[in-house]
Amino acid sequence: MKKSDLKDLNVADIDVSIEENRSKLQKLRFQKALQQLEDPLEIRSLKKEIAQLLTLKNEYSKGVRLDKESE
């Protein structure tokens, strides 16, 4: 997901994306353990995306970023 796409998400969408990415990450880790993972860099990019989403969620909770729906 691109950074420009992250700006358009609201808090509910962020929560859903975090949960989806965490489940994908768990599946990739299982594949890595079983040596069936085709692209190991996918784990790195997924972890980075989760961190970006968590940062965005934290900004909303602290009031740094305002939700478009609440305006």
Protein backbone atom coordinates (compact mmCIF):
# COMPACT_ATOMS: atom_id res chain seq x y z
CA MET A 1 0.00 0.00 0.00
CA LYS A 2 1.33 3.42 -0.93
CA LYS A 3 1.64 6.29 1.52
CA SER A 4 -0.87 8.30 -0.48
CA ASP A 5 -3.38 5.48 0.00
CA LEU A 6 -2.78 5.50 3.75
CA LYS A 7 -3.93 9.10 4.06
CA ASP A 8 -7.37 8.16 2.73
CA LEU A 9 -8.03 5.49 5.37
CA ASN A 10 -10.18 6.07 8.42
CA VAL A 11 -9.69 4.41 11.79
CA ALA A 12 -12.01 1.46 11.06
CA ASP A 13 -10.24 0.72 7.77
CA ILE A 14 -6.87 0.91 9.52
CA ASP A 15 -7.96 -1.67 12.11
CA VAL A 16 -9.15 -4.04 9.38
CA SER A 17 -5.92 -3.61 7.40
CA ILE A 18 -3.78 -4.27 10.47
CA GLU A 19 -5.60 -7.51 11.23
CA GLU A 20 -5.40 -8.68 7.61
CA ASN A 21 -1.69 -7.91 7.42
CA ARG A 22 -0.96 -9.64 10.70
CA SER A 23 -2.67 -12.81 9.49
CA LYS A 24 -0.74 -12.63 6.19
CA LEU A 25 2.49 -12.18 8.14
CA GLN A 26 1.74 -15.24 10.25
CA LYS A 27 1.10 -17.32 7.11
CA LEU A 28 4.36 -16.10 5.57
CA ARG A 29 6.28 -17.01 8.72
CA PHE A 30 4.82 -20.53 8.60
CA GLN A 31 5.84 -20.80 4.95
CA LYS A 32 9.34 -19.63 5.84
CA ALA A 33 9.59 -22.25 8.58
CA LEU A 34 8.52 -24.94 6.14
CA GLN A 35 10.91 -23.54 3.50
CA GLN A 36 8.07 -22.91 1.05
CA LEU A 37 8.42 -19.14 0.92
CA GLU A 38 9.07 -17.82 -2.58
CA ASP A 39 9.84 -14.17 -1.80
CA PRO A 40 11.44 -13.59 1.62
CA LEU A 41 11.41 -9.80 1.09
CA GLU A 42 7.62 -9.93 1.29
CA ILE A 43 7.91 -10.39 5.07
CA ARG A 44 9.94 -7.19 5.36
CA SER A 45 7.50 -5.13 3.31
CA LEU A 46 4.52 -6.50 5.24
CA LYS A 47 6.13 -5.65 8.58
CA LYS A 48 6.84 -2.15 7.31
CA GLU A 49 3.23 -1.69 6.21
CA ILE A 50 1.95 -2.86 9.61
CA ALA A 51 4.24 -0.34 11.31
CA GLN A 52 2.96 2.45 9.05
CA LEU A 53 -0.64 1.54 9.83
CA LEU A 54 0.04 1.42 13.57
CA THR A 55 1.73 4.82 13.39
CA LEU A 56 -1.24 6.25 11.54
CA LYS A 57 -3.63 4.76 14.11
CA ASN A 58 -1.55 6.27 16.91
CA GLU A 59 -1.68 9.68 15.23
CA TYR A 60 -5.47 9.49 15.12
CA SER A 61 -5.67 8.49 18.79
CA LYS A 62 -3.40 11.36 19.90
CA GLY A 63 -5.23 13.91 17.79
CA VAL A 64 -2.32 14.69 15.49
CA ARG A 65 -4.38 13.57 12.52
CA LEU A 66 -8.12 14.19 12.34
CA ASP A 67 -10.58 11.67 10.96
CA LYS A 68 -12.35 13.00 7.87
CA GLU A 69 -15.66 11.50 8.97
CA SER A 70 -15.63 13.36 12.29
CA GLU A 71 -15.11 16.76 10.66
